[in-house]
Each structure stands twice: as C-alpha cells, then as structure tokens.
Amino acid sequence: MANKSEIFTNKNNKSQSVKYTVKDKITVSGLDDVNTFNYEYIKYLNYDKNVIHNTKLNPNEVIIHSDFSENYSMKYSTEI
C-alpha cells in the first residue's frame, strides 16, 4: 500500500490537500516474501507477548486479544 496526496481547489476557492491509500502491485521472490512475513510475524508475537505478560489473570480467565492497529481484519467464513 502506498500513501498518495493531491492538492485541489474546493468550491470556496481554497486549496486543500487530500491523502489517500492506493494498492501498488509489487513483485518479489518467494524467499523474500517468506522472510518479510517471518519478520513481521515475530514483531507481532513479541507485541502480543508483552500485552499478555502485563495482564494479571486468575486461573479460570483467558485473554482474547485482537489488534486492528496494523490493518489486520477478520473475515466471515463465507468470504474465505
């Protein structure tokens, strides 16, 4: 994903800047792709470990942690 911006004049003749995200098509080797995934996954696991470590739980409690700050999203089973 790439961030782009444009400047345009609105109906009041004022300049405004608009930022938006566009998908870019990239080509990488399979090995580079796997290495990138592993790097990002380890970063996520370390973050998740820190969240769980800093939370005190009783033996009959569980944490379900969903983090959407990195554009993770969930899908319905019908979308898969």
C-alpha atoms as a PDB file:
ATOM      1  CA  MET A   1       0.000   0.000   0.000  1.00  0.00           C
ATOM      2  CA  ALA A   2       1.206   3.462  -0.826  1.00  0.00           C
ATOM      3  CA  ASN A   3       0.050   6.792   0.525  1.00  0.00           C
ATOM      4  CA  LYS A   4      -0.590   9.496  -2.042  1.00  0.00           C
ATOM      5  CA  SER A   5      -1.782  13.057  -1.734  1.00  0.00           C
ATOM      6  CA  GLU A   6      -3.284  15.640  -4.050  1.00  0.00           C
ATOM      7  CA  ILE A   7      -3.942  19.334  -3.702  1.00  0.00           C
ATOM      8  CA  PHE A   8      -7.137  20.681  -5.204  1.00  0.00           C
ATOM      9  CA  THR A   9      -9.255  23.830  -5.033  1.00  0.00           C
ATOM     10  CA  ASN A  10     -12.626  23.440  -3.363  1.00  0.00           C
ATOM     11  CA  LYS A  11     -15.790  25.354  -4.263  1.00  0.00           C
ATOM     12  CA  ASN A  12     -14.748  28.228  -1.952  1.00  0.00           C
ATOM     13  CA  ASN A  13     -11.501  28.637  -3.944  1.00  0.00           C
ATOM     14  CA  LYS A  14      -9.406  27.356  -1.067  1.00  0.00           C
ATOM     15  CA  SER A  15      -6.617  24.848  -1.625  1.00  0.00           C
ATOM     16  CA  GLN A  16      -6.984  21.583   0.222  1.00  0.00           C
ATOM     17  CA  SER A  17      -4.725  18.582   0.491  1.00  0.00           C
ATOM     18  CA  VAL A  18      -6.296  15.128   0.408  1.00  0.00           C
ATOM     19  CA  LYS A  19      -4.398  11.979   1.387  1.00  0.00           C
ATOM     20  CA  TYR A  20      -5.482   8.513   0.325  1.00  0.00           C
ATOM     21  CA  THR A  21      -4.112   4.987   0.146  1.00  0.00           C
ATOM     22  CA  VAL A  22      -3.764   3.067  -3.080  1.00  0.00           C
ATOM     23  CA  LYS A  23      -2.754  -0.519  -3.729  1.00  0.00           C
ATOM     24  CA  ASP A  24       0.523  -0.972  -5.572  1.00  0.00           C
ATOM     25  CA  LYS A  25       1.370  -4.177  -7.372  1.00  0.00           C
ATOM     26  CA  ILE A  26       4.833  -5.414  -6.452  1.00  0.00           C
ATOM     27  CA  THR A  27       6.788  -8.475  -7.483  1.00  0.00           C
ATOM     28  CA  VAL A  28       9.054 -10.264  -5.003  1.00  0.00           C
ATOM     29  CA  SER A  29      10.714 -13.639  -4.853  1.00  0.00           C
ATOM     30  CA  GLY A  30       9.129 -16.351  -2.728  1.00  0.00           C
ATOM     31  CA  LEU A  31      12.079 -16.300  -0.319  1.00  0.00           C
ATOM     32  CA  ASP A  32      11.857 -12.525   0.180  1.00  0.00           C
ATOM     33  CA  ASP A  33       8.131 -12.836   0.787  1.00  0.00           C
ATOM     34  CA  VAL A  34       8.616 -15.574   3.401  1.00  0.00           C
ATOM     35  CA  ASN A  35      11.376 -13.597   5.135  1.00  0.00           C
ATOM     36  CA  THR A  36       9.184 -10.482   5.287  1.00  0.00           C
ATOM     37  CA  PHE A  37       6.295 -12.495   6.714  1.00  0.00           C
ATOM     38  CA  ASN A  38       8.542 -14.101   9.350  1.00  0.00           C
ATOM     39  CA  TYR A  39       9.950 -10.714  10.383  1.00  0.00           C
ATOM     40  CA  GLU A  40       6.503  -9.109  10.710  1.00  0.00           C
ATOM     41  CA  TYR A  41       5.052 -12.162  12.479  1.00  0.00           C
ATOM     42  CA  ILE A  42       7.846 -12.198  15.078  1.00  0.00           C
ATOM     43  CA  LYS A  43       7.271  -8.470  15.710  1.00  0.00           C
ATOM     44  CA  TYR A  44       3.571  -9.154  16.234  1.00  0.00           C
ATOM     45  CA  LEU A  45       4.218 -12.109  18.564  1.00  0.00           C
ATOM     46  CA  ASN A  46       6.580 -10.017  20.697  1.00  0.00           C
ATOM     47  CA  TYR A  47       3.963  -7.269  20.937  1.00  0.00           C
ATOM     48  CA  ASP A  48       1.250  -9.795  21.813  1.00  0.00           C
ATOM     49  CA  LYS A  49       3.507 -11.425  24.426  1.00  0.00           C
ATOM     50  CA  ASN A  50       4.049  -8.042  26.101  1.00  0.00           C
ATOM     51  CA  VAL A  51       0.312  -7.368  26.281  1.00  0.00           C
ATOM     52  CA  ILE A  52      -0.386 -10.762  27.840  1.00  0.00           C
ATOM     53  CA  HIS A  53       2.590 -10.538  30.219  1.00  0.00           C
ATOM     54  CA  ASN A  54       1.397  -7.201  31.593  1.00  0.00           C
ATOM     55  CA  THR A  55      -2.068  -8.544  32.383  1.00  0.00           C
ATOM     56  CA  LYS A  56      -2.712 -10.399  35.635  1.00  0.00           C
ATOM     57  CA  LEU A  57      -5.118 -13.322  35.208  1.00  0.00           C
ATOM     58  CA  ASN A  58      -6.812 -15.710  37.560  1.00  0.00           C
ATOM     59  CA  PRO A  59      -6.501 -19.422  36.684  1.00  0.00           C
ATOM     60  CA  ASN A  60     -10.066 -19.507  35.302  1.00  0.00           C
ATOM     61  CA  GLU A  61      -9.627 -16.454  32.988  1.00  0.00           C
ATOM     62  CA  VAL A  62      -8.491 -16.171  29.393  1.00  0.00           C
ATOM     63  CA  ILE A  63      -7.394 -13.302  27.120  1.00  0.00           C
ATOM     64  CA  ILE A  64      -8.732 -12.911  23.612  1.00  0.00           C
ATOM     65  CA  HIS A  65      -6.656 -10.174  22.057  1.00  0.00           C
ATOM     66  CA  SER A  66      -7.496  -8.653  18.671  1.00  0.00           C
ATOM     67  CA  ASP A  67      -5.248  -5.915  17.370  1.00  0.00           C
ATOM     68  CA  PHE A  68      -6.518  -3.946  14.369  1.00  0.00           C
ATOM     69  CA  SER A  69      -3.994  -1.098  14.549  1.00  0.00           C
ATOM     70  CA  GLU A  70      -1.855  -2.628  11.780  1.00  0.00           C
ATOM     71  CA  ASN A  71      -4.789  -3.041   9.376  1.00  0.00           C
ATOM     72  CA  TYR A  72      -5.462  -6.621  10.375  1.00  0.00           C
ATOM     73  CA  SER A  73      -9.014  -7.622   9.599  1.00  0.00           C
ATOM     74  CA  MET A  74     -11.291 -10.551  10.244  1.00  0.00           C
ATOM     75  CA  LYS A  75     -13.337 -12.300   7.547  1.00  0.00           C
ATOM     76  CA  TYR A  76     -16.583 -14.185   7.632  1.00  0.00           C
ATOM     77  CA  SER A  77     -16.265 -17.861   6.779  1.00  0.00           C
ATOM     78  CA  THR A  78     -18.287 -17.191   3.613  1.00  0.00           C
ATOM     79  CA  GLU A  79     -15.559 -14.791   2.367  1.00  0.00           C
ATOM     80  CA  ILE A  80     -12.787 -17.395   2.562  1.00  0.00           C
END
